[in-house]
Amino acid sequence: MASTTWTTTGVFTGPGGVLTGEAGTLTGELTVRTTWEPEQAHVAVQYVGASEWCTLTGSPVPCPTPEVGRAVHQCAVEAVRTGGAVPFAPWPAISML
């Protein structure tokens, strides 16, 4: 089964920004990308206009289907908007699906 990707541009971080594995805390306007592969979703962010993607700390996450992957993406967008520089954790919000 092929991978599926969702991308949301123009997402502003909440107070404290978001925590990434490669660059530490990022703040400001970001693009959020989630790629679903069988059994897991990878979430990354980048500054708008940049070429380098940074993995959101806490990614990848277990993800059984592309439909759940889409929900993980929406949780990631909301996590960026919330900020707080904490590891990304879409559960328990996803477990309610």
PDB file of N, CA and C in Angstrom:
ATOM      1  N   MET A   1       0.847  -1.175   0.000  1.00  0.00           N
ATOM      2  CA  MET A   1       0.000   0.000   0.000  1.00  0.00           C
ATOM      3  C   MET A   1       0.894   1.241   0.000  1.00  0.00           C
ATOM      4  N   ALA A   2       0.536   2.230  -0.802  1.00  0.00           N
ATOM      5  CA  ALA A   2       1.324   3.448  -0.936  1.00  0.00           C
ATOM      6  C   ALA A   2       1.104   4.384   0.242  1.00  0.00           C
ATOM      7  N   SER A   3       2.007   5.329   0.381  1.00  0.00           N
ATOM      8  CA  SER A   3       1.859   6.323   1.446  1.00  0.00           C
ATOM      9  C   SER A   3       0.870   7.403   1.013  1.00  0.00           C
ATOM     10  N   THR A   4       0.360   8.132   1.993  1.00  0.00           N
ATOM     11  CA  THR A   4      -0.556   9.246   1.769  1.00  0.00           C
ATOM     12  C   THR A   4      -0.031  10.423   2.571  1.00  0.00           C
ATOM     13  N   THR A   5      -0.117  11.629   1.989  1.00  0.00           N
ATOM     14  CA  THR A   5       0.428  12.808   2.656  1.00  0.00           C
ATOM     15  C   THR A   5      -0.614  13.918   2.729  1.00  0.00           C
ATOM     16  N   TRP A   6      -0.644  14.610   3.869  1.00  0.00           N
ATOM     17  CA  TRP A   6      -1.479  15.793   4.053  1.00  0.00           C
ATOM     18  C   TRP A   6      -0.562  16.941   4.435  1.00  0.00           C
ATOM     19  N   THR A   7      -0.834  18.127   3.886  1.00  0.00           N
ATOM     20  CA  THR A   7      -0.014  19.309   4.159  1.00  0.00           C
ATOM     21  C   THR A   7      -0.912  20.498   4.439  1.00  0.00           C
ATOM     22  N   THR A   8      -0.592  21.242   5.500  1.00  0.00           N
ATOM     23  CA  THR A   8      -1.305  22.473   5.833  1.00  0.00           C
ATOM     24  C   THR A   8      -0.278  23.583   5.966  1.00  0.00           C
ATOM     25  N   THR A   9      -0.446  24.640   5.201  1.00  0.00           N
ATOM     26  CA  THR A   9       0.484  25.771   5.230  1.00  0.00           C
ATOM     27  C   THR A   9      -0.075  26.896   6.089  1.00  0.00           C
ATOM     28  N   GLY A  10       0.806  27.817   6.452  1.00  0.00           N
ATOM     29  CA  GLY A  10       0.380  29.015   7.161  1.00  0.00           C
ATOM     30  C   GLY A  10      -0.144  28.776   8.565  1.00  0.00           C
ATOM     31  N   VAL A  11       0.460  27.834   9.276  1.00  0.00           N
ATOM     32  CA  VAL A  11       0.040  27.526  10.645  1.00  0.00           C
ATOM     33  C   VAL A  11       0.969  28.275  11.603  1.00  0.00           C
ATOM     34  N   PHE A  12       0.405  29.153  12.415  1.00  0.00           N
ATOM     35  CA  PHE A  12       1.217  29.910  13.375  1.00  0.00           C
ATOM     36  C   PHE A  12       1.286  29.159  14.700  1.00  0.00           C
ATOM     37  N   THR A  13       2.490  29.078  15.252  1.00  0.00           N
ATOM     38  CA  THR A  13       2.674  28.365  16.514  1.00  0.00           C
ATOM     39  C   THR A  13       2.072  29.154  17.664  1.00  0.00           C
ATOM     40  N   GLY A  14       1.596  28.398  18.638  1.00  0.00           N
ATOM     41  CA  GLY A  14       1.121  29.013  19.866  1.00  0.00           C
ATOM     42  C   GLY A  14       2.305  29.371  20.754  1.00  0.00           C
ATOM     43  N   PRO A  15       2.034  29.909  21.933  1.00  0.00           N
ATOM     44  CA  PRO A  15       3.095  30.310  22.863  1.00  0.00           C
ATOM     45  C   PRO A  15       4.049  29.147  23.152  1.00  0.00           C
ATOM     46  N   GLY A  16       5.327  29.396  23.041  1.00  0.00           N
ATOM     47  CA  GLY A  16       6.337  28.376  23.322  1.00  0.00           C
ATOM     48  C   GLY A  16       6.763  27.597  22.100  1.00  0.00           C
ATOM     49  N   GLY A  17       6.021  27.707  20.996  1.00  0.00           N
ATOM     50  CA  GLY A  17       6.396  27.041  19.755  1.00  0.00           C
ATOM     51  C   GLY A  17       6.186  25.538  19.793  1.00  0.00           C
ATOM     52  N   VAL A  18       6.856  24.835  18.877  1.00  0.00           N
ATOM     53  CA  VAL A  18       6.766  23.377  18.793  1.00  0.00           C
ATOM     54  C   VAL A  18       8.166  22.781  18.890  1.00  0.00           C
ATOM     55  N   LEU A  19       8.225  21.592  19.444  1.00  0.00           N
ATOM     56  CA  LEU A  19       9.492  20.908  19.681  1.00  0.00           C
ATOM     57  C   LEU A  19       9.792  19.958  18.526  1.00  0.00           C
ATOM     58  N   THR A  20      10.999  20.082  17.960  1.00  0.00           N
ATOM     59  CA  THR A  20      11.415  19.199  16.867  1.00  0.00           C
ATOM     60  C   THR A  20      12.692  18.469  17.252  1.00  0.00           C
ATOM     61  N   GLY A  21      12.909  17.340  16.591  1.00  0.00           N
ATOM     62  CA  GLY A  21      14.109  16.559  16.862  1.00  0.00           C
ATOM     63  C   GLY A  21      15.370  17.193  16.316  1.00  0.00           C
ATOM     64  N   GLU A  22      15.273  17.836  15.163  1.00  0.00           N
ATOM     65  CA  GLU A  22      16.463  18.353  14.489  1.00  0.00           C
ATOM     66  C   GLU A  22      16.847  19.780  14.877  1.00  0.00           C
ATOM     67  N   ALA A  23      15.857  20.624  15.141  1.00  0.00           N
ATOM     68  CA  ALA A  23      16.136  22.049  15.332  1.00  0.00           C
ATOM     69  C   ALA A  23      15.683  22.593  16.676  1.00  0.00           C
ATOM     70  N   GLY A  24      15.276  21.722  17.584  1.00  0.00           N
ATOM     71  CA  GLY A  24      14.781  22.211  18.869  1.00  0.00           C
ATOM     72  C   GLY A  24      13.418  22.845  18.705  1.00  0.00           C
ATOM     73  N   THR A  25      13.204  23.982  19.332  1.00  0.00           N
ATOM     74  CA  THR A  25      11.907  24.650  19.311  1.00  0.00           C
ATOM     75  C   THR A  25      11.807  25.598  18.120  1.00  0.00           C
ATOM     76  N   LEU A  26      10.710  25.469  17.362  1.00  0.00           N
ATOM     77  CA  LEU A  26      10.435  26.384  16.254  1.00  0.00           C
ATOM     78  C   LEU A  26       9.235  27.239  16.621  1.00  0.00           C
ATOM     79  N   THR A  27       9.265  28.498  16.218  1.00  0.00           N
ATOM     80  CA  THR A  27       8.150  29.408  16.449  1.00  0.00           C
ATOM     81  C   THR A  27       7.852  30.152  15.160  1.00  0.00           C
ATOM     82  N   GLY A  28       6.645  30.685  15.066  1.00  0.00           N
ATOM     83  CA  GLY A  28       6.281  31.481  13.898  1.00  0.00           C
ATOM     84  C   GLY A  28       5.394  30.707  12.943  1.00  0.00           C
ATOM     85  N   GLU A  29       5.453  31.090  11.669  1.00  0.00           N
ATOM     86  CA  GLU A  29       4.605  30.491  10.642  1.00  0.00           C
ATOM     87  C   GLU A  29       5.252  29.232  10.080  1.00  0.00           C
ATOM     88  N   LEU A  30       4.535  28.123  10.160  1.00  0.00           N
ATOM     89  CA  LEU A  30       5.054  26.828   9.721  1.00  0.00           C
ATOM     90  C   LEU A  30       4.105  26.148   8.738  1.00  0.00           C
ATOM     91  N   THR A  31       4.657  25.195   8.019  1.00  0.00           N
ATOM     92  CA  THR A  31       3.880  24.245   7.236  1.00  0.00           C
ATOM     93  C   THR A  31       3.946  22.926   7.987  1.00  0.00           C
ATOM     94  N   VAL A  32       2.809  22.246   8.102  1.00  0.00           N
ATOM     95  CA  VAL A  32       2.727  20.955   8.798  1.00  0.00           C
ATOM     96  C   VAL A  32       2.450  19.883   7.753  1.00  0.00           C
ATOM     97  N   ARG A  33       3.247  18.825   7.775  1.00  0.00           N
ATOM     98  CA  ARG A  33       3.064  17.716   6.830  1.00  0.00           C
ATOM     99  C   ARG A  33       3.004  16.404   7.593  1.00  0.00           C
ATOM    100  N   THR A  34       1.993  15.598   7.278  1.00  0.00           N
ATOM    101  CA  THR A  34       1.862  14.265   7.859  1.00  0.00           C
ATOM    102  C   THR A  34       1.878  13.255   6.727  1.00  0.00           C
ATOM    103  N   THR A  35       2.739  12.263   6.853  1.00  0.00           N
ATOM    104  CA  THR A  35       2.806  11.196   5.861  1.00  0.00           C
ATOM    105  C   THR A  35       2.426   9.896   6.533  1.00  0.00           C
ATOM    106  N   TRP A  36       1.361   9.270   6.009  1.00  0.00           N
ATOM    107  CA  TRP A  36       0.931   7.976   6.525  1.00  0.00           C
ATOM    108  C   TRP A  36       1.576   6.891   5.685  1.00  0.00           C
ATOM    109  N   GLU A  37       2.166   5.935   6.365  1.00  0.00           N
ATOM    110  CA  GLU A  37       2.675   4.702   5.766  1.00  0.00           C
ATOM    111  C   GLU A  37       2.008   3.583   6.542  1.00  0.00           C
ATOM    112  N   PRO A  38       1.942   2.392   5.991  1.00  0.00           N
ATOM    113  CA  PRO A  38       1.276   1.322   6.727  1.00  0.00           C
ATOM    114  C   PRO A  38       1.733   1.248   8.187  1.00  0.00           C
ATOM    115  N   GLU A  39       0.773   1.421   9.067  1.00  0.00           N
ATOM    116  CA  GLU A  39       0.937   1.272  10.520  1.00  0.00           C
ATOM    117  C   GLU A  39       1.571   2.445  11.248  1.00  0.00           C
ATOM    118  N   GLN A  40       1.953   3.541  10.555  1.00  0.00           N
ATOM    119  CA  GLN A  40       2.489   4.689  11.282  1.00  0.00           C
ATOM    120  C   GLN A  40       2.328   5.979  10.490  1.00  0.00           C
ATOM    121  N   ALA A  41       2.308   7.087  11.230  1.00  0.00           N
ATOM    122  CA  ALA A  41       2.239   8.421  10.635  1.00  0.00           C
ATOM    123  C   ALA A  41       3.450   9.225  11.085  1.00  0.00           C
ATOM    124  N   HIS A  42       4.088   9.879  10.123  1.00  0.00           N
ATOM    125  CA  HIS A  42       5.248  10.728  10.384  1.00  0.00           C
ATOM    126  C   HIS A  42       4.805  12.185  10.258  1.00  0.00           C
ATOM    127  N   VAL A  43       5.100  12.999  11.282  1.00  0.00           N
ATOM    128  CA  VAL A  43       4.697  14.401  11.274  1.00  0.00           C
ATOM    129  C   VAL A  43       5.949  15.265  11.264  1.00  0.00           C
ATOM    130  N   ALA A  44       5.975  16.222  10.325  1.00  0.00           N
ATOM    131  CA  ALA A  44       7.113  17.128  10.204  1.00  0.00           C
ATOM    132  C   ALA A  44       6.607  18.547   9.997  1.00  0.00           C
ATOM    133  N   VAL A  45       7.462  19.513  10.327  1.00  0.00           N
ATOM    134  CA  VAL A  45       7.141  20.923  10.131  1.00  0.00           C
ATOM    135  C   VAL A  45       8.316  21.608   9.457  1.00  0.00           C
ATOM    136  N   GLN A  46       8.019  22.717   8.805  1.00  0.00           N
ATOM    137  CA  GLN A  46       9.082  23.549   8.224  1.00  0.00           C
ATOM    138  C   GLN A  46       8.610  24.993   8.226  1.00  0.00           C
ATOM    139  N   TYR A  47       9.590  25.896   8.284  1.00  0.00           N
ATOM    140  CA  TYR A  47       9.249  27.301   8.138  1.00  0.00           C
ATOM    141  C   TYR A  47       8.728  27.511   6.724  1.00  0.00           C
ATOM    142  N   VAL A  48       7.715  28.363   6.570  1.00  0.00           N
ATOM    143  CA  VAL A  48       7.160  28.646   5.253  1.00  0.00           C
ATOM    144  C   VAL A  48       8.272  29.174   4.354  1.00  0.00           C
ATOM    145  N   GLY A  49       8.426  28.564   3.195  1.00  0.00           N
ATOM    146  CA  GLY A  49       9.450  28.973   2.239  1.00  0.00           C
ATOM    147  C   GLY A  49      10.783  28.267   2.407  1.00  0.00           C
ATOM    148  N   ALA A  50      10.956  27.508   3.482  1.00  0.00           N
ATOM    149  CA  ALA A  50      12.210  26.778   3.714  1.00  0.00           C
ATOM    150  C   ALA A  50      12.182  25.446   2.968  1.00  0.00           C
ATOM    151  N   SER A  51      13.329  24.814   2.855  1.00  0.00           N
ATOM    152  CA  SER A  51      13.383  23.509   2.194  1.00  0.00           C
ATOM    153  C   SER A  51      13.571  22.363   3.185  1.00  0.00           C
ATOM    154  N   GLU A  52      14.052  22.659   4.382  1.00  0.00           N
ATOM    155  CA  GLU A  52      14.342  21.620   5.372  1.00  0.00           C
ATOM    156  C   GLU A  52      13.120  21.321   6.237  1.00  0.00           C
ATOM    157  N   TRP A  53      12.787  20.031   6.356  1.00  0.00           N
ATOM    158  CA  TRP A  53      11.711  19.578   7.231  1.00  0.00           C
ATOM    159  C   TRP A  53      12.305  19.113   8.550  1.00  0.00           C
ATOM    160  N   CYS A  54      11.606  19.371   9.646  1.00  0.00           N
ATOM    161  CA  CYS A  54      12.012  18.933  10.974  1.00  0.00           C
ATOM    162  C   CYS A  54      10.917  18.026  11.542  1.00  0.00           C
ATOM    163  N   THR A  55      11.322  16.900  12.091  1.00  0.00           N
ATOM    164  CA  THR A  55      10.377  15.946  12.663  1.00  0.00           C
ATOM    165  C   THR A  55       9.835  16.477  13.982  1.00  0.00           C
ATOM    166  N   LEU A  56       8.530  16.463  14.118  1.00  0.00           N
ATOM    167  CA  LEU A  56       7.914  16.852  15.380  1.00  0.00           C
ATOM    168  C   LEU A  56       8.310  15.817  16.429  1.00  0.00           C
ATOM    169  N   THR A  57       8.814  16.253  17.567  1.00  0.00           N
ATOM    170  CA  THR A  57       9.181  15.329  18.633  1.00  0.00           C
ATOM    171  C   THR A  57       7.931  14.542  19.040  1.00  0.00           C
ATOM    172  N   GLY A  58       8.061  13.221  19.080  1.00  0.00           N
ATOM    173  CA  GLY A  58       6.933  12.340  19.345  1.00  0.00           C
ATOM    174  C   GLY A  58       6.499  11.581  18.103  1.00  0.00           C
ATOM    175  N   SER A  59       6.996  11.994  16.949  1.00  0.00           N
ATOM    176  CA  SER A  59       6.689  11.334  15.681  1.00  0.00           C
ATOM    177  C   SER A  59       7.821  10.362  15.340  1.00  0.00           C
ATOM    178  N   PRO A  60       7.506   9.234  14.694  1.00  0.00           N
ATOM    179  CA  PRO A  60       6.206   8.809  14.191  1.00  0.00           C
ATOM    180  C   PRO A  60       5.325   8.243  15.294  1.00  0.00           C
ATOM    181  N   VAL A  61       4.037   8.138  14.959  1.00  0.00           N
ATOM    182  CA  VAL A  61       3.071   7.579  15.895  1.00  0.00           C
ATOM    183  C   VAL A  61       2.388   6.377  15.245  1.00  0.00           C
ATOM    184  N   PRO A  62       1.985   5.388  16.046  1.00  0.00           N
ATOM    185  CA  PRO A  62       1.245   4.254  15.493  1.00  0.00           C
ATOM    186  C   PRO A  62      -0.037   4.758  14.826  1.00  0.00           C
ATOM    187  N   CYS A  63      -0.345   4.206  13.661  1.00  0.00           N
ATOM    188  CA  CYS A  63      -1.491   4.703  12.911  1.00  0.00           C
ATOM    189  C   CYS A  63      -1.978   3.607  11.967  1.00  0.00           C
ATOM    190  N   PRO A  64      -3.112   2.983  12.267  1.00  0.00           N
ATOM    191  CA  PRO A  64      -3.533   1.801  11.536  1.00  0.00           C
ATOM    192  C   PRO A  64      -4.043   2.028  10.109  1.00  0.00           C
ATOM    193  N   THR A  65      -4.639   3.203   9.827  1.00  0.00           N
ATOM    194  CA  THR A  65      -5.256   3.423   8.519  1.00  0.00           C
ATOM    195  C   THR A  65      -5.016   4.847   8.032  1.00  0.00           C
ATOM    196  N   PRO A  66      -5.187   5.097   6.733  1.00  0.00           N
ATOM    197  CA  PRO A  66      -5.078   6.469   6.235  1.00  0.00           C
ATOM    198  C   PRO A  66      -6.114   7.401   6.858  1.00  0.00           C
ATOM    199  N   GLU A  67      -7.295   6.884   7.159  1.00  0.00           N
ATOM    200  CA  GLU A  67      -8.326   7.718   7.781  1.00  0.00           C
ATOM    201  C   GLU A  67      -7.876   8.216   9.154  1.00  0.00           C
ATOM    202  N   VAL A  68      -7.258   7.351   9.921  1.00  0.00           N
ATOM    203  CA  VAL A  68      -6.719   7.767  11.211  1.00  0.00           C
ATOM    204  C   VAL A  68      -5.526   8.708  10.982  1.00  0.00           C
ATOM    205  N   GLY A  69      -4.766   8.470   9.919  1.00  0.00           N
ATOM    206  CA  GLY A  69      -3.662   9.360   9.568  1.00  0.00           C
ATOM    207  C   GLY A  69      -4.133  10.779   9.332  1.00  0.00           C
ATOM    208  N   ARG A  70      -5.280  10.930   8.689  1.00  0.00           N
ATOM    209  CA  ARG A  70      -5.839  12.270   8.464  1.00  0.00           C
ATOM    210  C   ARG A  70      -6.181  12.928   9.797  1.00  0.00           C
ATOM    211  N   ALA A  71      -6.722  12.151  10.722  1.00  0.00           N
ATOM    212  CA  ALA A  71      -7.036  12.678  12.050  1.00  0.00           C
ATOM    213  C   ALA A  71      -5.756  13.047  12.804  1.00  0.00           C
ATOM    214  N   VAL A  72      -4.710  12.246  12.649  1.00  0.00           N
ATOM    215  CA  VAL A  72      -3.412  12.563  13.265  1.00  0.00           C
ATOM    216  C   VAL A  72      -2.911  13.900  12.719  1.00  0.00           C
ATOM    217  N   HIS A  73      -3.064  14.102  11.406  1.00  0.00           N
ATOM    218  CA  HIS A  73      -2.626  15.370  10.814  1.00  0.00           C
ATOM    219  C   HIS A  73      -3.364  16.548  11.443  1.00  0.00           C
ATOM    220  N   GLN A  74      -4.674  16.425  11.584  1.00  0.00           N
ATOM    221  CA  GLN A  74      -5.437  17.523  12.181  1.00  0.00           C
ATOM    222  C   GLN A  74      -5.001  17.771  13.624  1.00  0.00           C
ATOM    223  N   CYS A  75      -4.713  16.700  14.365  1.00  0.00           N
ATOM    224  CA  CYS A  75      -4.198  16.855  15.736  1.00  0.00           C
ATOM    225  C   CYS A  75      -2.853  17.568  15.736  1.00  0.00           C
ATOM    226  N   ALA A  76      -2.013  17.264  14.744  1.00  0.00           N
ATOM    227  CA  ALA A  76      -0.700  17.912  14.645  1.00  0.00           C
ATOM    228  C   ALA A  76      -0.855  19.404  14.368  1.00  0.00           C
ATOM    229  N   VAL A  77      -1.758  19.769  13.462  1.00  0.00           N
ATOM    230  CA  VAL A  77      -2.009  21.183  13.172  1.00  0.00           C
ATOM    231  C   VAL A  77      -2.476  21.889  14.443  1.00  0.00           C
ATOM    232  N   GLU A  78      -3.381  21.283  15.167  1.00  0.00           N
ATOM    233  CA  GLU A  78      -3.868  21.880  16.411  1.00  0.00           C
ATOM    234  C   GLU A  78      -2.769  21.966  17.470  1.00  0.00           C
ATOM    235  N   ALA A  79      -1.887  20.967  17.516  1.00  0.00           N
ATOM    236  CA  ALA A  79      -0.773  20.999  18.471  1.00  0.00           C
ATOM    237  C   ALA A  79       0.173  22.155  18.156  1.00  0.00           C
ATOM    238  N   VAL A  80       0.428  22.406  16.878  1.00  0.00           N
ATOM    239  CA  VAL A  80       1.274  23.541  16.492  1.00  0.00           C
ATOM    240  C   VAL A  80       0.591  24.836  16.903  1.00  0.00           C
ATOM    241  N   ARG A  81      -0.687  24.954  16.643  1.00  0.00           N
ATOM    242  CA  ARG A  81      -1.424  26.176  17.013  1.00  0.00           C
ATOM    243  C   ARG A  81      -1.466  26.388  18.525  1.00  0.00           C
ATOM    244  N   THR A  82      -1.472  25.294  19.277  1.00  0.00           N
ATOM    245  CA  THR A  82      -1.501  25.386  20.737  1.00  0.00           C
ATOM    246  C   THR A  82      -0.138  25.767  21.298  1.00  0.00           C
ATOM    247  N   GLY A  83       0.935  25.234  20.689  1.00  0.00           N
ATOM    248  CA  GLY A  83       2.290  25.524  21.162  1.00  0.00           C
ATOM    249  C   GLY A  83       2.613  24.759  22.434  1.00  0.00           C
ATOM    250  N   GLY A  84       3.518  25.312  23.222  1.00  0.00           N
ATOM    251  CA  GLY A  84       3.900  24.696  24.477  1.00  0.00           C
ATOM    252  C   GLY A  84       5.193  23.916  24.434  1.00  0.00           C
ATOM    253  N   ALA A  85       5.746  23.711  23.223  1.00  0.00           N
ATOM    254  CA  ALA A  85       7.032  23.006  23.070  1.00  0.00           C
ATOM    255  C   ALA A  85       7.072  21.695  23.850  1.00  0.00           C
ATOM    256  N   VAL A  86       6.049  20.869  23.652  1.00  0.00           N
ATOM    257  CA  VAL A  86       5.986  19.547  24.277  1.00  0.00           C
ATOM    258  C   VAL A  86       5.962  18.486  23.174  1.00  0.00           C
ATOM    259  N   PRO A  87       6.365  17.244  23.476  1.00  0.00           N
ATOM    260  CA  PRO A  87       6.302  16.196  22.458  1.00  0.00           C
ATOM    261  C   PRO A  87       4.874  16.004  21.938  1.00  0.00           C
ATOM    262  N   PHE A  88       4.768  15.782  20.640  1.00  0.00           N
ATOM    263  CA  PHE A  88       3.467  15.560  20.002  1.00  0.00           C
ATOM    264  C   PHE A  88       2.897  14.224  20.430  1.00  0.00           C
ATOM    265  N   ALA A  89       1.636  14.229  20.842  1.00  0.00           N
ATOM    266  CA  ALA A  89       0.943  13.005  21.245  1.00  0.00           C
ATOM    267  C   ALA A  89      -0.526  13.135  20.843  1.00  0.00           C
ATOM    268  N   PRO A  90      -0.928  12.505  19.720  1.00  0.00           N
ATOM    269  CA  PRO A  90      -2.313  12.647  19.276  1.00  0.00           C
ATOM    270  C   PRO A  90      -3.311  11.851  20.092  1.00  0.00           C
ATOM    271  N   TRP A  91      -2.850  10.963  20.955  1.00  0.00           N
ATOM    272  CA  TRP A  91      -3.747  10.152  21.764  1.00  0.00           C
ATOM    273  C   TRP A  91      -3.987  10.873  23.088  1.00  0.00           C
ATOM    274  N   PRO A  92      -5.133  10.896  23.700  1.00  0.00           N
ATOM    275  CA  PRO A  92      -6.298  10.037  23.445  1.00  0.00           C
ATOM    276  C   PRO A  92      -7.268  10.596  22.434  1.00  0.00           C
ATOM    277  N   ALA A  93      -7.034  11.793  21.843  1.00  0.00           N
ATOM    278  CA  ALA A  93      -7.996  12.374  20.919  1.00  0.00           C
ATOM    279  C   ALA A  93      -8.329  11.411  19.770  1.00  0.00           C
ATOM    280  N   ILE A  94      -7.340  10.727  19.245  1.00  0.00           N
ATOM    281  CA  ILE A  94      -7.553   9.814  18.124  1.00  0.00           C
ATOM    282  C   ILE A  94      -8.290   8.558  18.585  1.00  0.00           C
ATOM    283  N   SER A  95      -8.088   8.127  19.795  1.00  0.00           N
ATOM    284  CA  SER A  95      -8.724   6.901  20.256  1.00  0.00           C
ATOM    285  C   SER A  95     -10.245   7.034  20.319  1.00  0.00           C
ATOM    286  N   MET A  96     -10.748   8.261  20.225  1.00  0.00           N
ATOM    287  CA  MET A  96     -12.187   8.457  20.246  1.00  0.00           C
ATOM    288  C   MET A  96     -12.811   8.244  18.875  1.00  0.00           C
ATOM    289  N   LEU A  97     -11.993   8.026  17.828  1.00  0.00           N
ATOM    290  CA  LEU A  97     -12.528   7.812  16.471  1.00  0.00           C
ATOM    291  C   LEU A  97     -13.171   6.456  16.341  1.00  0.00           C
TER     292      LEU A  97
END
